Amino acid sequence: MLKEHASLERAIDIAIWMNFKYRKQQRSYVVVQDKKTKLYLVVPQMGRRKSLCIKQPKDYSLMSYEQIKSIRSEVQPLSHWEEIMGLFTSTHGEILRFNIRYQIP
């Protein structure tokens, strides 16, 4: 799978999602920048030197409200973000607070 993106953040989001989605098949995806077009590519990690790959965060625990706002304002959000936004929009706030308070996985 090869996808080109002008936005580094979007490319990283896709790579993180792909790594999660294909974790059982032990497939791993990374982000690299095409030197000619300056676009960011999401590609399989196999055979790629780590030094050429753009570092991905381990998780989203340090995500800022500005990043969330940017994701929400996307005209065509990534499907997993759209599902997550719908989940939080339709779930009662007390249920979400309970989940966070008692760290329900």
PDB file of N, CA and C in Angstrom:
ATOM      1  N   MET A   1       0.846  -1.177   0.000  1.00  0.00           N
ATOM      2  CA  MET A   1       0.000   0.000   0.000  1.00  0.00           C
ATOM      3  C   MET A   1       0.885   1.232   0.000  1.00  0.00           C
ATOM      4  N   LEU A   2       0.634   2.129  -0.911  1.00  0.00           N
ATOM      5  CA  LEU A   2       1.407   3.350  -1.015  1.00  0.00           C
ATOM      6  C   LEU A   2       0.428   4.504  -1.119  1.00  0.00           C
ATOM      7  N   LYS A   3       0.451   5.392  -0.151  1.00  0.00           N
ATOM      8  CA  LYS A   3      -0.438   6.546  -0.166  1.00  0.00           C
ATOM      9  C   LYS A   3       0.389   7.795   0.009  1.00  0.00           C
ATOM     10  N   GLU A   4       0.070   8.818  -0.783  1.00  0.00           N
ATOM     11  CA  GLU A   4       0.784  10.083  -0.697  1.00  0.00           C
ATOM     12  C   GLU A   4      -0.089  11.117   0.014  1.00  0.00           C
ATOM     13  N   HIS A   5       0.558  11.940   0.847  1.00  0.00           N
ATOM     14  CA  HIS A   5      -0.166  12.951   1.597  1.00  0.00           C
ATOM     15  C   HIS A   5       0.676  14.213   1.706  1.00  0.00           C
ATOM     16  N   ALA A   6       0.020  15.344   1.585  1.00  0.00           N
ATOM     17  CA  ALA A   6       0.707  16.622   1.753  1.00  0.00           C
ATOM     18  C   ALA A   6       0.922  16.908   3.236  1.00  0.00           C
ATOM     19  N   SER A   7       0.052  16.370   4.079  1.00  0.00           N
ATOM     20  CA  SER A   7       0.105  16.625   5.514  1.00  0.00           C
ATOM     21  C   SER A   7       0.857  15.504   6.243  1.00  0.00           C
ATOM     22  N   LEU A   8       1.890  15.880   6.969  1.00  0.00           N
ATOM     23  CA  LEU A   8       2.642  14.910   7.763  1.00  0.00           C
ATOM     24  C   LEU A   8       1.753  14.297   8.838  1.00  0.00           C
ATOM     25  N   GLU A   9       0.930  15.118   9.490  1.00  0.00           N
ATOM     26  CA  GLU A   9       0.066  14.626  10.562  1.00  0.00           C
ATOM     27  C   GLU A   9      -0.897  13.561  10.047  1.00  0.00           C
ATOM     28  N   ARG A  10      -1.484  13.804   8.885  1.00  0.00           N
ATOM     29  CA  ARG A  10      -2.430  12.843   8.307  1.00  0.00           C
ATOM     30  C   ARG A  10      -1.709  11.542   7.945  1.00  0.00           C
ATOM     31  N   ALA A  11      -0.527  11.648   7.389  1.00  0.00           N
ATOM     32  CA  ALA A  11       0.247  10.454   7.039  1.00  0.00           C
ATOM     33  C   ALA A  11       0.570   9.637   8.289  1.00  0.00           C
ATOM     34  N   ILE A  12       0.957  10.314   9.355  1.00  0.00           N
ATOM     35  CA  ILE A  12       1.262   9.619  10.610  1.00  0.00           C
ATOM     36  C   ILE A  12       0.002   8.962  11.172  1.00  0.00           C
ATOM     37  N   ASP A  13      -1.125   9.669  11.136  1.00  0.00           N
ATOM     38  CA  ASP A  13      -2.385   9.082  11.608  1.00  0.00           C
ATOM     39  C   ASP A  13      -2.724   7.811  10.836  1.00  0.00           C
ATOM     40  N   ILE A  14      -2.516   7.829   9.537  1.00  0.00           N
ATOM     41  CA  ILE A  14      -2.804   6.647   8.715  1.00  0.00           C
ATOM     42  C   ILE A  14      -1.856   5.508   9.070  1.00  0.00           C
ATOM     43  N   ALA A  15      -0.578   5.813   9.226  1.00  0.00           N
ATOM     44  CA  ALA A  15       0.397   4.776   9.572  1.00  0.00           C
ATOM     45  C   ALA A  15       0.071   4.146  10.926  1.00  0.00           C
ATOM     46  N   ILE A  16      -0.286   4.973  11.900  1.00  0.00           N
ATOM     47  CA  ILE A  16      -0.637   4.449  13.228  1.00  0.00           C
ATOM     48  C   ILE A  16      -1.865   3.550  13.121  1.00  0.00           C
ATOM     49  N   TRP A  17      -2.867   3.998  12.367  1.00  0.00           N
ATOM     50  CA  TRP A  17      -4.075   3.179  12.189  1.00  0.00           C
ATOM     51  C   TRP A  17      -3.740   1.870  11.484  1.00  0.00           C
ATOM     52  N   MET A  18      -2.925   1.923  10.440  1.00  0.00           N
ATOM     53  CA  MET A  18      -2.559   0.713   9.701  1.00  0.00           C
ATOM     54  C   MET A  18      -1.789  -0.257  10.612  1.00  0.00           C
ATOM     55  N   ASN A  19      -0.899   0.268  11.441  1.00  0.00           N
ATOM     56  CA  ASN A  19      -0.157  -0.584  12.372  1.00  0.00           C
ATOM     57  C   ASN A  19      -1.104  -1.276  13.349  1.00  0.00           C
ATOM     58  N   PHE A  20      -2.119  -0.552  13.807  1.00  0.00           N
ATOM     59  CA  PHE A  20      -3.100  -1.158  14.706  1.00  0.00           C
ATOM     60  C   PHE A  20      -3.960  -2.173  13.963  1.00  0.00           C
ATOM     61  N   LYS A  21      -4.448  -1.789  12.811  1.00  0.00           N
ATOM     62  CA  LYS A  21      -5.354  -2.638  12.040  1.00  0.00           C
ATOM     63  C   LYS A  21      -4.702  -3.971  11.653  1.00  0.00           C
ATOM     64  N   TYR A  22      -3.437  -3.939  11.309  1.00  0.00           N
ATOM     65  CA  TYR A  22      -2.750  -5.153  10.843  1.00  0.00           C
ATOM     66  C   TYR A  22      -1.783  -5.727  11.883  1.00  0.00           C
ATOM     67  N   ARG A  23      -2.016  -5.403  13.154  1.00  0.00           N
ATOM     68  CA  ARG A  23      -1.125  -5.879  14.213  1.00  0.00           C
ATOM     69  C   ARG A  23      -1.083  -7.397  14.327  1.00  0.00           C
ATOM     70  N   LYS A  24      -2.205  -8.066  14.090  1.00  0.00           N
ATOM     71  CA  LYS A  24      -2.243  -9.529  14.210  1.00  0.00           C
ATOM     72  C   LYS A  24      -1.495 -10.207  13.072  1.00  0.00           C
ATOM     73  N   GLN A  25      -1.421  -9.552  11.927  1.00  0.00           N
ATOM     74  CA  GLN A  25      -0.665 -10.084  10.794  1.00  0.00           C
ATOM     75  C   GLN A  25       0.808  -9.664  10.887  1.00  0.00           C
ATOM     76  N   GLN A  26       1.131  -8.926  11.929  1.00  0.00           N
ATOM     77  CA  GLN A  26       2.484  -8.429  12.187  1.00  0.00           C
ATOM     78  C   GLN A  26       3.025  -7.602  11.024  1.00  0.00           C
ATOM     79  N   ARG A  27       2.134  -6.827  10.424  1.00  0.00           N
ATOM     80  CA  ARG A  27       2.555  -5.878   9.388  1.00  0.00           C
ATOM     81  C   ARG A  27       2.825  -4.547  10.058  1.00  0.00           C
ATOM     82  N   SER A  28       3.804  -3.840   9.561  1.00  0.00           N
ATOM     83  CA  SER A  28       4.163  -2.561  10.143  1.00  0.00           C
ATOM     84  C   SER A  28       4.319  -1.522   9.029  1.00  0.00           C
ATOM     85  N   TYR A  29       3.801  -0.324   9.287  1.00  0.00           N
ATOM     86  CA  TYR A  29       3.845   0.753   8.302  1.00  0.00           C
ATOM     87  C   TYR A  29       4.582   1.957   8.870  1.00  0.00           C
ATOM     88  N   VAL A  30       5.273   2.653   7.991  1.00  0.00           N
ATOM     89  CA  VAL A  30       6.045   3.827   8.375  1.00  0.00           C
ATOM     90  C   VAL A  30       5.733   4.974   7.416  1.00  0.00           C
ATOM     91  N   VAL A  31       6.181   6.159   7.804  1.00  0.00           N
ATOM     92  CA  VAL A  31       6.031   7.341   6.962  1.00  0.00           C
ATOM     93  C   VAL A  31       7.417   7.772   6.496  1.00  0.00           C
ATOM     94  N   VAL A  32       7.534   7.995   5.204  1.00  0.00           N
ATOM     95  CA  VAL A  32       8.767   8.527   4.619  1.00  0.00           C
ATOM     96  C   VAL A  32       8.385   9.714   3.737  1.00  0.00           C
ATOM     97  N   GLN A  33       9.359  10.582   3.474  1.00  0.00           N
ATOM     98  CA  GLN A  33       9.081  11.724   2.603  1.00  0.00           C
ATOM     99  C   GLN A  33       9.730  11.495   1.251  1.00  0.00           C
ATOM    100  N   ASP A  34       8.950  11.679   0.199  1.00  0.00           N
ATOM    101  CA  ASP A  34       9.457  11.575  -1.161  1.00  0.00           C
ATOM    102  C   ASP A  34      10.323  12.811  -1.428  1.00  0.00           C
ATOM    103  N   LYS A  35      11.569  12.596  -1.776  1.00  0.00           N
ATOM    104  CA  LYS A  35      12.501  13.710  -1.953  1.00  0.00           C
ATOM    105  C   LYS A  35      12.112  14.619  -3.122  1.00  0.00           C
ATOM    106  N   LYS A  36      11.521  14.049  -4.159  1.00  0.00           N
ATOM    107  CA  LYS A  36      11.161  14.849  -5.339  1.00  0.00           C
ATOM    108  C   LYS A  36       9.888  15.654  -5.127  1.00  0.00           C
ATOM    109  N   THR A  37       8.825  14.992  -4.692  1.00  0.00           N
ATOM    110  CA  THR A  37       7.519  15.663  -4.579  1.00  0.00           C
ATOM    111  C   THR A  37       7.306  16.324  -3.227  1.00  0.00           C
ATOM    112  N   LYS A  38       8.129  15.966  -2.236  1.00  0.00           N
ATOM    113  CA  LYS A  38       7.999  16.470  -0.857  1.00  0.00           C
ATOM    114  C   LYS A  38       6.712  15.978  -0.179  1.00  0.00           C
ATOM    115  N   LEU A  39       6.027  15.008  -0.792  1.00  0.00           N
ATOM    116  CA  LEU A  39       4.840  14.422  -0.176  1.00  0.00           C
ATOM    117  C   LEU A  39       5.271  13.345   0.811  1.00  0.00           C
ATOM    118  N   TYR A  40       4.384  13.048   1.752  1.00  0.00           N
ATOM    119  CA  TYR A  40       4.654  12.008   2.741  1.00  0.00           C
ATOM    120  C   TYR A  40       3.990  10.715   2.289  1.00  0.00           C
ATOM    121  N   LEU A  41       4.718   9.629   2.378  1.00  0.00           N
ATOM    122  CA  LEU A  41       4.234   8.326   1.921  1.00  0.00           C
ATOM    123  C   LEU A  41       4.062   7.394   3.099  1.00  0.00           C
ATOM    124  N   VAL A  42       2.958   6.644   3.109  1.00  0.00           N
ATOM    125  CA  VAL A  42       2.733   5.588   4.097  1.00  0.00           C
ATOM    126  C   VAL A  42       3.046   4.280   3.376  1.00  0.00           C
ATOM    127  N   VAL A  43       4.080   3.595   3.855  1.00  0.00           N
ATOM    128  CA  VAL A  43       4.572   2.403   3.163  1.00  0.00           C
ATOM    129  C   VAL A  43       4.876   1.286   4.163  1.00  0.00           C
ATOM    130  N   PRO A  44       4.912   0.027   3.699  1.00  0.00           N
ATOM    131  CA  PRO A  44       5.315  -1.059   4.598  1.00  0.00           C
ATOM    132  C   PRO A  44       6.750  -0.825   5.085  1.00  0.00           C
ATOM    133  N   GLN A  45       7.009  -1.213   6.317  1.00  0.00           N
ATOM    134  CA  GLN A  45       8.324  -0.978   6.916  1.00  0.00           C
ATOM    135  C   GLN A  45       9.398  -1.923   6.380  1.00  0.00           C
ATOM    136  N   MET A  46       8.988  -3.088   5.913  1.00  0.00           N
ATOM    137  CA  MET A  46       9.944  -4.115   5.497  1.00  0.00           C
ATOM    138  C   MET A  46      11.082  -3.547   4.654  1.00  0.00           C
ATOM    139  N   GLY A  47      12.293  -3.796   5.097  1.00  0.00           N
ATOM    140  CA  GLY A  47      13.478  -3.433   4.335  1.00  0.00           C
ATOM    141  C   GLY A  47      13.841  -1.957   4.358  1.00  0.00           C
ATOM    142  N   ARG A  48      13.177  -1.164   5.162  1.00  0.00           N
ATOM    143  CA  ARG A  48      13.472   0.272   5.206  1.00  0.00           C
ATOM    144  C   ARG A  48      14.339   0.584   6.423  1.00  0.00           C
ATOM    145  N   ARG A  49      15.330   1.424   6.199  1.00  0.00           N
ATOM    146  CA  ARG A  49      16.180   1.843   7.314  1.00  0.00           C
ATOM    147  C   ARG A  49      15.408   2.809   8.204  1.00  0.00           C
ATOM    148  N   LYS A  50      15.538   2.611   9.509  1.00  0.00           N
ATOM    149  CA  LYS A  50      14.825   3.472  10.466  1.00  0.00           C
ATOM    150  C   LYS A  50      15.206   4.933  10.299  1.00  0.00           C
ATOM    151  N   SER A  51      16.443   5.187   9.888  1.00  0.00           N
ATOM    152  CA  SER A  51      16.899   6.571   9.756  1.00  0.00           C
ATOM    153  C   SER A  51      16.143   7.326   8.658  1.00  0.00           C
ATOM    154  N   LEU A  52      15.542   6.598   7.712  1.00  0.00           N
ATOM    155  CA  LEU A  52      14.783   7.234   6.632  1.00  0.00           C
ATOM    156  C   LEU A  52      13.312   7.427   6.986  1.00  0.00           C
ATOM    157  N   CYS A  53      12.875   6.817   8.074  1.00  0.00           N
ATOM    158  CA  CYS A  53      11.464   6.864   8.473  1.00  0.00           C
ATOM    159  C   CYS A  53      11.221   8.020   9.445  1.00  0.00           C
ATOM    160  N   ILE A  54      10.067   8.642   9.307  1.00  0.00           N
ATOM    161  CA  ILE A  54       9.689   9.730  10.201  1.00  0.00           C
ATOM    162  C   ILE A  54       9.140   9.118  11.488  1.00  0.00           C
ATOM    163  N   LYS A  55       9.634   9.604  12.607  1.00  0.00           N
ATOM    164  CA  LYS A  55       9.248   9.056  13.915  1.00  0.00           C
ATOM    165  C   LYS A  55       7.756   9.243  14.171  1.00  0.00           C
ATOM    166  N   GLN A  56       7.128   8.170  14.620  1.00  0.00           N
ATOM    167  CA  GLN A  56       5.708   8.191  14.978  1.00  0.00           C
ATOM    168  C   GLN A  56       5.579   8.174  16.497  1.00  0.00           C
ATOM    169  N   PRO A  57       4.570   8.863  17.017  1.00  0.00           N
ATOM    170  CA  PRO A  57       4.370   8.784  18.469  1.00  0.00           C
ATOM    171  C   PRO A  57       3.906   7.383  18.872  1.00  0.00           C
ATOM    172  N   LYS A  58       4.212   6.997  20.105  1.00  0.00           N
ATOM    173  CA  LYS A  58       3.801   5.691  20.628  1.00  0.00           C
ATOM    174  C   LYS A  58       2.290   5.628  20.773  1.00  0.00           C
ATOM    175  N   ASP A  59       1.691   6.755  21.161  1.00  0.00           N
ATOM    176  CA  ASP A  59       0.242   6.828  21.340  1.00  0.00           C
ATOM    177  C   ASP A  59      -0.188   8.282  21.195  1.00  0.00           C
ATOM    178  N   TYR A  60      -1.438   8.553  21.479  1.00  0.00           N
ATOM    179  CA  TYR A  60      -1.979   9.903  21.333  1.00  0.00           C
ATOM    180  C   TYR A  60      -2.138  10.614  22.669  1.00  0.00           C
ATOM    181  N   SER A  61      -1.461  10.157  23.694  1.00  0.00           N
ATOM    182  CA  SER A  61      -1.639  10.745  25.023  1.00  0.00           C
ATOM    183  C   SER A  61      -1.183  12.209  25.096  1.00  0.00           C
ATOM    184  N   LEU A  62      -0.315  12.623  24.206  1.00  0.00           N
ATOM    185  CA  LEU A  62       0.159  14.012  24.218  1.00  0.00           C
ATOM    186  C   LEU A  62      -0.543  14.871  23.158  1.00  0.00           C
ATOM    187  N   MET A  63      -1.627  14.356  22.599  1.00  0.00           N
ATOM    188  CA  MET A  63      -2.365  15.093  21.577  1.00  0.00           C
ATOM    189  C   MET A  63      -2.939  16.376  22.179  1.00  0.00           C
ATOM    190  N   SER A  64      -2.784  17.473  21.454  1.00  0.00           N
ATOM    191  CA  SER A  64      -3.284  18.760  21.930  1.00  0.00           C
ATOM    192  C   SER A  64      -4.707  18.995  21.424  1.00  0.00           C
ATOM    193  N   TYR A  65      -5.376  19.964  22.040  1.00  0.00           N
ATOM    194  CA  TYR A  65      -6.719  20.321  21.581  1.00  0.00           C
ATOM    195  C   TYR A  65      -6.661  20.902  20.170  1.00  0.00           C
ATOM    196  N   GLU A  66      -5.547  21.551  19.824  1.00  0.00           N
ATOM    197  CA  GLU A  66      -5.386  22.084  18.469  1.00  0.00           C
ATOM    198  C   GLU A  66      -5.366  20.943  17.446  1.00  0.00           C
ATOM    199  N   GLN A  67      -4.702  19.843  17.782  1.00  0.00           N
ATOM    200  CA  GLN A  67      -4.678  18.683  16.879  1.00  0.00           C
ATOM    201  C   GLN A  67      -6.076  18.086  16.737  1.00  0.00           C
ATOM    202  N   ILE A  68      -6.796  17.985  17.835  1.00  0.00           N
ATOM    203  CA  ILE A  68      -8.165  17.459  17.793  1.00  0.00           C
ATOM    204  C   ILE A  68      -9.042  18.375  16.945  1.00  0.00           C
ATOM    205  N   LYS A  69      -8.905  19.674  17.152  1.00  0.00           N
ATOM    206  CA  LYS A  69      -9.666  20.646  16.376  1.00  0.00           C
ATOM    207  C   LYS A  69      -9.350  20.508  14.885  1.00  0.00           C
ATOM    208  N   SER A  70      -8.107  20.303  14.558  1.00  0.00           N
ATOM    209  CA  SER A  70      -7.691  20.137  13.164  1.00  0.00           C
ATOM    210  C   SER A  70      -8.312  18.882  12.553  1.00  0.00           C
ATOM    211  N   ILE A  71      -8.325  17.789  13.291  1.00  0.00           N
ATOM    212  CA  ILE A  71      -8.925  16.536  12.806  1.00  0.00           C
ATOM    213  C   ILE A  71     -10.420  16.729  12.594  1.00  0.00           C
ATOM    214  N   ARG A  72     -11.077  17.398  13.528  1.00  0.00           N
ATOM    215  CA  ARG A  72     -12.535  17.615  13.428  1.00  0.00           C
ATOM    216  C   ARG A  72     -12.911  18.532  12.276  1.00  0.00           C
ATOM    217  N   SER A  73     -11.993  19.399  11.872  1.00  0.00           N
ATOM    218  CA  SER A  73     -12.304  20.342  10.799  1.00  0.00           C
ATOM    219  C   SER A  73     -11.982  19.802   9.402  1.00  0.00           C
ATOM    220  N   GLU A  74     -11.441  18.596   9.328  1.00  0.00           N
ATOM    221  CA  GLU A  74     -11.126  17.991   8.030  1.00  0.00           C
ATOM    222  C   GLU A  74     -12.400  17.800   7.216  1.00  0.00           C
ATOM    223  N   VAL A  75     -12.348  18.120   5.945  1.00  0.00           N
ATOM    224  CA  VAL A  75     -13.494  17.923   5.056  1.00  0.00           C
ATOM    225  C   VAL A  75     -13.758  16.434   4.872  1.00  0.00           C
ATOM    226  N   GLN A  76     -12.693  15.665   4.704  1.00  0.00           N
ATOM    227  CA  GLN A  76     -12.807  14.212   4.569  1.00  0.00           C
ATOM    228  C   GLN A  76     -11.944  13.563   5.648  1.00  0.00           C
ATOM    229  N   PRO A  77     -12.478  13.451   6.868  1.00  0.00           N
ATOM    230  CA  PRO A  77     -11.666  12.862   7.940  1.00  0.00           C
ATOM    231  C   PRO A  77     -11.390  11.381   7.672  1.00  0.00           C
ATOM    232  N   LEU A  78     -10.317  10.900   8.248  1.00  0.00           N
ATOM    233  CA  LEU A  78     -10.013   9.475   8.144  1.00  0.00           C
ATOM    234  C   LEU A  78     -11.136   8.704   8.798  1.00  0.00           C
ATOM    235  N   SER A  79     -11.467   7.549   8.256  1.00  0.00           N
ATOM    236  CA  SER A  79     -12.653   6.809   8.710  1.00  0.00           C
ATOM    237  C   SER A  79     -12.603   6.475  10.205  1.00  0.00           C
ATOM    238  N   HIS A  80     -11.431   6.123  10.720  1.00  0.00           N
ATOM    239  CA  HIS A  80     -11.377   5.772  12.148  1.00  0.00           C
ATOM    240  C   HIS A  80     -11.598   7.004  13.024  1.00  0.00           C
ATOM    241  N   TRP A  81     -11.139   8.186  12.596  1.00  0.00           N
ATOM    242  CA  TRP A  81     -11.394   9.398  13.372  1.00  0.00           C
ATOM    243  C   TRP A  81     -12.873   9.747  13.320  1.00  0.00           C
ATOM    244  N   GLU A  82     -13.507   9.532  12.175  1.00  0.00           N
ATOM    245  CA  GLU A  82     -14.929   9.810  12.041  1.00  0.00           C
ATOM    246  C   GLU A  82     -15.736   8.919  12.991  1.00  0.00           C
ATOM    247  N   GLU A  83     -15.361   7.657  13.076  1.00  0.00           N
ATOM    248  CA  GLU A  83     -16.038   6.728  13.996  1.00  0.00           C
ATOM    249  C   GLU A  83     -15.828   7.146  15.453  1.00  0.00           C
ATOM    250  N   ILE A  84     -14.601   7.532  15.789  1.00  0.00           N
ATOM    251  CA  ILE A  84     -14.298   7.947  17.158  1.00  0.00           C
ATOM    252  C   ILE A  84     -15.087   9.209  17.517  1.00  0.00           C
ATOM    253  N   MET A  85     -15.136  10.178  16.585  1.00  0.00           N
ATOM    254  CA  MET A  85     -15.903  11.404  16.835  1.00  0.00           C
ATOM    255  C   MET A  85     -17.375  11.076  17.064  1.00  0.00           C
ATOM    256  N   GLY A  86     -17.917  10.169  16.267  1.00  0.00           N
ATOM    257  CA  GLY A  86     -19.311   9.765  16.433  1.00  0.00           C
ATOM    258  C   GLY A  86     -19.552   9.096  17.767  1.00  0.00           C
ATOM    259  N   LEU A  87     -18.600   8.266  18.192  1.00  0.00           N
ATOM    260  CA  LEU A  87     -18.702   7.583  19.475  1.00  0.00           C
ATOM    261  C   LEU A  87     -18.793   8.585  20.623  1.00  0.00           C
ATOM    262  N   PHE A  88     -17.896   9.563  20.621  1.00  0.00           N
ATOM    263  CA  PHE A  88     -17.889  10.549  21.702  1.00  0.00           C
ATOM    264  C   PHE A  88     -19.075  11.493  21.623  1.00  0.00           C
ATOM    265  N   THR A  89     -19.528  11.794  20.426  1.00  0.00           N
ATOM    266  CA  THR A  89     -20.658  12.693  20.255  1.00  0.00           C
ATOM    267  C   THR A  89     -21.947  12.059  20.750  1.00  0.00           C
ATOM    268  N   SER A  90     -22.083  10.753  20.560  1.00  0.00           N
ATOM    269  CA  SER A  90     -23.350  10.096  20.896  1.00  0.00           C
ATOM    270  C   SER A  90     -23.364   9.433  22.280  1.00  0.00           C
ATOM    271  N   THR A  91     -22.243   9.423  22.985  1.00  0.00           N
ATOM    272  CA  THR A  91     -22.172   8.790  24.298  1.00  0.00           C
ATOM    273  C   THR A  91     -22.354   9.844  25.396  1.00  0.00           C
ATOM    274  N   HIS A  92     -23.163   9.530  26.392  1.00  0.00           N
ATOM    275  CA  HIS A  92     -23.410  10.436  27.508  1.00  0.00           C
ATOM    276  C   HIS A  92     -22.090  10.750  28.220  1.00  0.00           C
ATOM    277  N   GLY A  93     -21.910  12.000  28.577  1.00  0.00           N
ATOM    278  CA  GLY A  93     -20.680  12.456  29.217  1.00  0.00           C
ATOM    279  C   GLY A  93     -20.329  11.712  30.488  1.00  0.00           C
ATOM    280  N   GLU A  94     -21.330  11.356  31.303  1.00  0.00           N
ATOM    281  CA  GLU A  94     -21.059  10.633  32.548  1.00  0.00           C
ATOM    282  C   GLU A  94     -20.475   9.245  32.263  1.00  0.00           C
ATOM    283  N   ILE A  95     -20.944   8.610  31.208  1.00  0.00           N
ATOM    284  CA  ILE A  95     -20.402   7.295  30.842  1.00  0.00           C
ATOM    285  C   ILE A  95     -18.938   7.439  30.437  1.00  0.00           C
ATOM    286  N   LEU A  96     -18.623   8.477  29.669  1.00  0.00           N
ATOM    287  CA  LEU A  96     -17.231   8.711  29.275  1.00  0.00           C
ATOM    288  C   LEU A  96     -16.353   9.002  30.486  1.00  0.00           C
ATOM    289  N   ARG A  97     -16.848   9.830  31.412  1.00  0.00           N
ATOM    290  CA  ARG A  97     -16.076  10.133  32.621  1.00  0.00           C
ATOM    291  C   ARG A  97     -15.866   8.876  33.478  1.00  0.00           C
ATOM    292  N   PHE A  98     -16.883   8.024  33.576  1.00  0.00           N
ATOM    293  CA  PHE A  98     -16.777   6.767  34.315  1.00  0.00           C
ATOM    294  C   PHE A  98     -15.688   5.891  33.686  1.00  0.00           C
ATOM    295  N   ASN A  99     -15.710   5.794  32.377  1.00  0.00           N
ATOM    296  CA  ASN A  99     -14.727   4.988  31.647  1.00  0.00           C
ATOM    297  C   ASN A  99     -13.305   5.482  31.922  1.00  0.00           C
ATOM    298  N   ILE A 100     -13.129   6.791  31.899  1.00  0.00           N
ATOM    299  CA  ILE A 100     -11.800   7.365  32.147  1.00  0.00           C
ATOM    300  C   ILE A 100     -11.414   7.183  33.606  1.00  0.00           C
ATOM    301  N   ARG A 101     -12.323   7.465  34.518  1.00  0.00           N
ATOM    302  CA  ARG A 101     -12.028   7.383  35.956  1.00  0.00           C
ATOM    303  C   ARG A 101     -11.592   5.993  36.380  1.00  0.00           C
ATOM    304  N   TYR A 102     -12.289   4.977  35.864  1.00  0.00           N
ATOM    305  CA  TYR A 102     -11.975   3.606  36.254  1.00  0.00           C
ATOM    306  C   TYR A 102     -11.155   2.866  35.220  1.00  0.00           C
ATOM    307  N   GLN A 103     -10.612   3.585  34.263  1.00  0.00           N
ATOM    308  CA  GLN A 103      -9.664   3.070  33.265  1.00  0.00           C
ATOM    309  C   GLN A 103     -10.145   1.788  32.610  1.00  0.00           C
ATOM    310  N   ILE A 104     -11.394   1.800  32.140  1.00  0.00           N
ATOM    311  CA  ILE A 104     -11.941   0.646  31.461  1.00  0.00           C
ATOM    312  C   ILE A 104     -11.302   0.538  30.089  1.00  0.00           C
ATOM    313  N   PRO A 105     -10.697  -0.606  29.772  1.00  0.00           N
ATOM    314  CA  PRO A 105      -9.999  -0.717  28.480  1.00  0.00           C
ATOM    315  C   PRO A 105     -10.976  -0.723  27.300  1.00  0.00           C
TER     316      PRO A 105
END
